[in-house]
Amino acid sequence: MFKRLEEIMERFYIITNLPVIAFKADGSVISSSGYTGKFMEMLDDNNIYERAINEFKGDGAENRVIVACSHNICFTAFYIDPKNMYKGLVILGPHTCCKNHPLGIPYKPRCLINNLISLFNIIEKDINYGRSFKQGYSFHVKRALDYIDSRYSDHITLEDVINYLNINKSYFCTLFKKETGKTFTEYLNQIRIEKSKNMLLEESCSILDIALSVGFSNQNYFSILFRRYTGLTPIQFRKNGGLKKAEIYS
């Protein structure tokens, strides 16, 4: 369970840039992502874990609690498993409602806290769903795939992945091609095209908006790649409800 939790927290931090730490029921740390010495000192000095536990024990406690500190700084806590408090606690933060905080605290308005917790749960489901798919890959390739899955909508490059993994570029490219059968760029484009398919069928956004939202810098390049992978233009795909080219003309 702890290994999976580490994967969830790592991906959560990549997406949100919000530090996250998990504790066992006895108060010992399971793992963390994005935590610096300064943030850990802030958490310890303010007794965040103990205060969160006490908040949960209070009357009318919800599925998450927000622990406030001085200087408009907060931490948000929720149980790893809402049905079993003994599996441990996750704490998000520090975060603040103040933009450009003088201490460099991540800006996260309170109205988004529930969305952040939902994102944490979505990542967990996504990892569970993809676990069998990634089971045969090596450690570095798994981490690369997680990174791409989390950041495909950004303008990520091969260098970004290399820096994230702290691995030799030539070695990674050889390993990635060997295990996935694709180059980094080919895999990234395929992921983006697959994500765009659902948006084309479920949303009324323009083709340009969809192209930009999945990480392409312009509509023409998106349309060219979409046709290369599917045999249809994005407009044809949307118009025909996702049918393949062969199915349309059969």
Protein backbone atom coordinates (compact mmCIF):
# COMPACT_ATOMS: atom_id res chain seq x y z
CA MET A 1 0.00 0.00 0.00
CA PHE A 2 2.81 2.41 0.92
CA LYS A 3 4.53 2.04 -2.45
CA ARG A 4 1.31 2.92 -4.24
CA LEU A 5 0.82 5.88 -1.91
CA GLU A 6 4.28 7.17 -2.78
CA GLU A 7 3.37 7.01 -6.48
CA ILE A 8 0.13 8.92 -5.87
CA MET A 9 1.85 11.65 -3.88
CA GLU A 10 4.65 12.02 -6.41
CA ARG A 11 2.19 12.44 -9.27
CA PHE A 12 -0.01 14.77 -7.20
CA TYR A 13 2.97 17.03 -6.51
CA ILE A 14 3.99 17.04 -10.18
CA ILE A 15 0.52 18.27 -11.17
CA THR A 16 -0.20 20.73 -8.35
CA ASN A 17 3.22 21.79 -7.05
CA LEU A 18 1.62 21.44 -3.60
CA PRO A 19 3.71 19.61 -0.96
CA VAL A 20 2.11 16.46 0.40
CA ILE A 21 3.06 14.15 3.26
CA ALA A 22 1.51 10.95 4.65
CA PHE A 23 1.57 9.57 8.19
CA LYS A 24 0.86 6.20 9.70
CA ALA A 25 -1.75 6.00 12.45
CA ASP A 26 1.04 6.12 15.04
CA GLY A 27 2.26 9.47 13.72
CA SER A 28 5.37 8.23 11.94
CA VAL A 29 5.99 9.51 8.41
CA ILE A 30 5.26 7.16 5.51
CA SER A 31 6.57 9.36 2.72
CA SER A 32 6.44 12.88 1.33
CA SER A 33 6.73 14.73 -1.96
CA GLY A 34 7.75 18.34 -2.41
CA TYR A 35 8.72 18.73 1.24
CA THR A 36 11.72 20.91 2.05
CA GLY A 37 13.41 21.31 5.39
CA LYS A 38 11.59 24.62 5.82
CA PHE A 39 8.18 23.06 5.22
CA MET A 40 8.91 20.13 7.55
CA GLU A 41 10.00 22.54 10.28
CA MET A 42 6.81 24.52 9.77
CA LEU A 43 4.72 21.37 10.07
CA ASP A 44 6.51 20.22 13.22
CA ASP A 45 6.61 23.60 14.96
CA ASN A 46 2.85 23.99 14.52
CA ASN A 47 2.05 20.40 15.59
CA ILE A 48 -0.02 19.96 12.44
CA TYR A 49 -0.42 16.18 12.68
CA GLU A 50 -1.61 16.26 16.30
CA ARG A 51 -3.95 19.20 15.68
CA ALA A 52 -5.44 17.48 12.62
CA ILE A 53 -6.10 14.29 14.61
CA ASN A 54 -7.80 16.31 17.35
CA GLU A 55 -9.93 18.12 14.77
CA PHE A 56 -11.10 14.80 13.36
CA LYS A 57 -12.06 13.65 16.85
CA GLY A 58 -14.26 16.73 17.37
CA ASP A 59 -17.99 16.86 16.85
CA GLY A 60 -19.17 17.34 13.30
CA ALA A 61 -15.78 16.66 11.73
CA GLU A 62 -15.96 16.34 7.94
CA ASN A 63 -13.95 14.15 5.61
CA ARG A 64 -11.16 16.73 5.74
CA VAL A 65 -9.93 19.38 8.16
CA ILE A 66 -8.00 22.58 7.58
CA VAL A 67 -5.46 23.52 10.23
CA ALA A 68 -4.65 27.24 10.24
CA CYS A 69 -1.33 28.75 11.31
CA SER A 70 0.07 32.27 11.51
CA HIS A 71 0.92 34.35 8.42
CA ASN A 72 -2.18 33.07 6.53
CA ILE A 73 -0.71 29.58 6.23
CA CYS A 74 -2.84 26.43 6.30
CA PHE A 75 -2.54 22.65 6.07
CA THR A 76 -5.32 20.32 4.89
CA ALA A 77 -5.64 16.78 6.27
CA PHE A 78 -7.72 13.80 5.19
CA TYR A 79 -7.60 10.06 5.86
CA ILE A 80 -5.92 7.78 3.34
CA ASP A 81 -9.01 5.58 3.57
CA PRO A 82 -12.12 7.47 4.80
CA LYS A 83 -13.57 4.16 6.00
CA ASN A 84 -10.52 3.18 8.02
CA MET A 85 -8.75 5.89 10.01
CA TYR A 86 -6.05 3.42 11.08
CA LYS A 87 -4.55 3.34 7.59
CA GLY A 88 -3.12 6.80 8.14
CA LEU A 89 -3.44 10.45 7.28
CA VAL A 90 -2.50 12.61 4.30
CA ILE A 91 -1.62 16.27 4.82
CA LEU A 92 -1.53 18.77 1.96
CA GLY A 93 0.46 21.93 2.41
CA PRO A 94 1.54 24.32 3.55
CA HIS A 95 -0.73 26.40 1.34
CA THR A 96 -2.15 29.90 1.48
CA CYS A 97 -5.00 32.01 0.14
CA CYS A 98 -2.59 34.91 -0.41
CA LYS A 99 -0.95 35.33 -3.80
CA ASN A 100 2.82 35.94 -3.83
CA HIS A 101 3.22 34.92 -0.21
CA PRO A 102 6.48 36.35 1.23
CA LEU A 103 7.56 32.91 2.49
CA GLY A 104 7.03 31.26 -0.89
CA ILE A 105 3.99 29.26 0.26
CA PRO A 106 1.97 27.74 -2.64
CA TYR A 107 -1.20 29.70 -3.44
CA LYS A 108 -4.29 27.47 -3.22
CA PRO A 109 -7.67 29.17 -2.51
CA ARG A 110 -9.86 27.35 0.00
CA CYS A 111 -12.59 26.94 -2.60
CA LEU A 112 -10.27 24.51 -4.44
CA ILE A 113 -9.39 22.28 -1.49
CA ASN A 114 -12.12 19.73 -2.15
CA ASN A 115 -11.06 19.65 -5.81
CA LEU A 116 -7.48 18.94 -4.77
CA ILE A 117 -8.60 16.04 -2.58
CA SER A 118 -10.73 14.73 -5.45
CA LEU A 119 -7.68 14.96 -7.71
CA PHE A 120 -5.71 12.88 -5.19
CA ASN A 121 -8.41 10.19 -5.33
CA ILE A 122 -8.58 10.35 -9.14
CA ILE A 123 -4.82 9.82 -9.35
CA GLU A 124 -5.16 6.78 -7.09
CA LYS A 125 -7.81 5.26 -9.36
CA ASP A 126 -5.75 6.08 -12.44
CA ILE A 127 -2.66 4.40 -10.99
CA ASN A 128 -4.67 1.31 -10.02
CA TYR A 129 -6.14 1.17 -13.54
CA GLY A 130 -2.76 1.53 -15.21
CA ARG A 131 -0.83 -0.73 -12.84
CA SER A 132 -1.31 -3.86 -14.95
CA PHE A 133 -0.41 -1.91 -18.09
CA LYS A 134 2.88 -0.68 -16.61
CA GLN A 135 3.73 -3.84 -14.73
CA GLY A 136 6.22 -5.06 -17.30
CA TYR A 137 8.22 -1.84 -17.47
CA SER A 138 11.45 -0.99 -15.68
CA PHE A 139 11.59 1.51 -12.83
CA HIS A 140 12.78 4.46 -14.94
CA VAL A 141 10.28 3.85 -17.74
CA LYS A 142 7.41 3.54 -15.25
CA ARG A 143 8.34 6.88 -13.72
CA ALA A 144 8.62 8.43 -17.18
CA LEU A 145 5.18 7.14 -18.15
CA ASP A 146 3.71 8.53 -14.92
CA TYR A 147 5.34 11.87 -15.61
CA ILE A 148 3.99 11.99 -19.17
CA ASP A 149 0.51 10.91 -18.06
CA SER A 150 0.50 13.69 -15.47
CA ARG A 151 2.00 16.46 -17.62
CA TYR A 152 0.93 15.68 -21.20
CA SER A 153 -1.12 18.90 -21.37
CA ASP A 154 1.97 21.01 -20.63
CA HIS A 155 4.74 21.81 -23.08
CA ILE A 156 7.00 19.09 -21.74
CA THR A 157 10.17 18.01 -23.51
CA LEU A 158 12.50 15.03 -23.40
CA GLU A 159 14.91 17.18 -21.39
CA ASP A 160 12.20 17.74 -18.77
CA VAL A 161 11.80 14.00 -18.32
CA ILE A 162 15.56 13.43 -18.23
CA ASN A 163 15.98 16.09 -15.54
CA TYR A 164 13.07 14.66 -13.56
CA LEU A 165 14.54 11.14 -13.66
CA ASN A 166 18.15 12.35 -13.28
CA ILE A 167 19.27 9.80 -15.84
CA ASN A 168 21.56 9.72 -18.89
CA LYS A 169 19.70 10.86 -22.01
CA SER A 170 21.05 8.27 -24.44
CA TYR A 171 20.47 5.45 -21.97
CA PHE A 172 16.90 6.58 -21.33
CA CYS A 173 16.02 6.96 -25.01
CA THR A 174 17.32 3.47 -25.76
CA LEU A 175 15.50 1.98 -22.77
CA PHE A 176 12.24 3.80 -23.50
CA LYS A 177 12.22 2.77 -27.17
CA LYS A 178 13.06 -0.84 -26.28
CA GLU A 179 10.27 -1.21 -23.71
CA THR A 180 7.47 0.86 -25.28
CA GLY A 181 8.30 0.44 -28.96
CA LYS A 182 8.04 4.23 -29.36
CA THR A 183 10.23 7.27 -28.98
CA PHE A 184 9.41 9.79 -26.27
CA THR A 185 7.79 12.13 -28.82
CA GLU A 186 5.76 9.36 -30.43
CA TYR A 187 4.44 8.20 -27.06
CA LEU A 188 3.63 11.74 -25.92
CA ASN A 189 1.75 12.51 -29.15
CA GLN A 190 -0.22 9.26 -28.90
CA ILE A 191 -1.28 10.06 -25.33
CA ARG A 192 -2.37 13.55 -26.39
CA ILE A 193 -4.38 12.21 -29.32
CA GLU A 194 -6.09 9.62 -27.12
CA LYS A 195 -7.01 12.29 -24.55
CA SER A 196 -8.37 14.55 -27.29
CA LYS A 197 -10.75 11.84 -28.53
CA ASN A 198 -12.88 11.96 -25.38
CA MET A 199 -12.96 15.75 -25.49
CA LEU A 200 -14.07 15.74 -29.12
CA LEU A 201 -16.97 13.43 -28.29
CA GLU A 202 -18.00 14.77 -24.89
CA GLU A 203 -17.35 18.51 -25.09
CA SER A 204 -18.41 21.35 -27.36
CA CYS A 205 -15.04 23.10 -27.29
CA SER A 206 -13.49 24.28 -30.53
CA ILE A 207 -10.82 22.15 -32.21
CA LEU A 208 -8.24 24.81 -31.34
CA ASP A 209 -9.19 24.79 -27.66
CA ILE A 210 -8.96 21.00 -27.53
CA ALA A 211 -5.59 21.03 -29.29
CA LEU A 212 -4.21 23.54 -26.81
CA SER A 213 -5.71 21.77 -23.79
CA VAL A 214 -3.92 18.48 -24.59
CA GLY A 215 -0.56 20.16 -25.15
CA PHE A 216 -0.32 21.00 -28.85
CA SER A 217 0.81 24.52 -29.74
CA ASN A 218 -1.34 24.91 -32.85
CA GLN A 219 -4.42 23.41 -34.48
CA ASN A 220 -2.84 22.45 -37.82
CA TYR A 221 -0.19 20.20 -36.27
CA PHE A 222 -2.82 18.62 -34.03
CA SER A 223 -5.07 17.90 -37.02
CA ILE A 224 -2.21 16.37 -39.01
CA LEU A 225 -1.23 14.05 -36.19
CA PHE A 226 -4.84 13.19 -35.37
CA ARG A 227 -5.43 12.06 -38.94
CA ARG A 228 -2.17 10.10 -38.93
CA TYR A 229 -3.22 8.16 -35.82
CA THR A 230 -6.94 7.75 -36.55
CA GLY A 231 -7.41 8.09 -40.30
CA LEU A 232 -9.86 10.96 -39.71
CA THR A 233 -9.63 14.67 -39.13
CA PRO A 234 -10.81 15.88 -35.71
CA ILE A 235 -13.96 17.29 -37.33
CA GLN A 236 -14.74 13.98 -39.06
CA PHE A 237 -14.11 12.09 -35.83
CA ARG A 238 -16.51 14.35 -33.90
CA LYS A 239 -19.14 14.31 -36.65
CA ASN A 240 -19.16 10.51 -36.90
CA GLY A 241 -19.16 9.86 -33.17
CA GLY A 242 -15.69 8.36 -33.03
CA LEU A 243 -16.15 5.73 -35.72
CA LYS A 244 -13.03 4.59 -37.48
CA LYS A 245 -12.55 5.42 -41.13
CA ALA A 246 -13.12 1.82 -42.22
CA GLU A 247 -16.39 1.69 -40.25
CA ILE A 248 -17.69 4.88 -41.87
CA TYR A 249 -17.20 3.68 -45.42
CA SER A 250 -18.11 0.01 -44.92
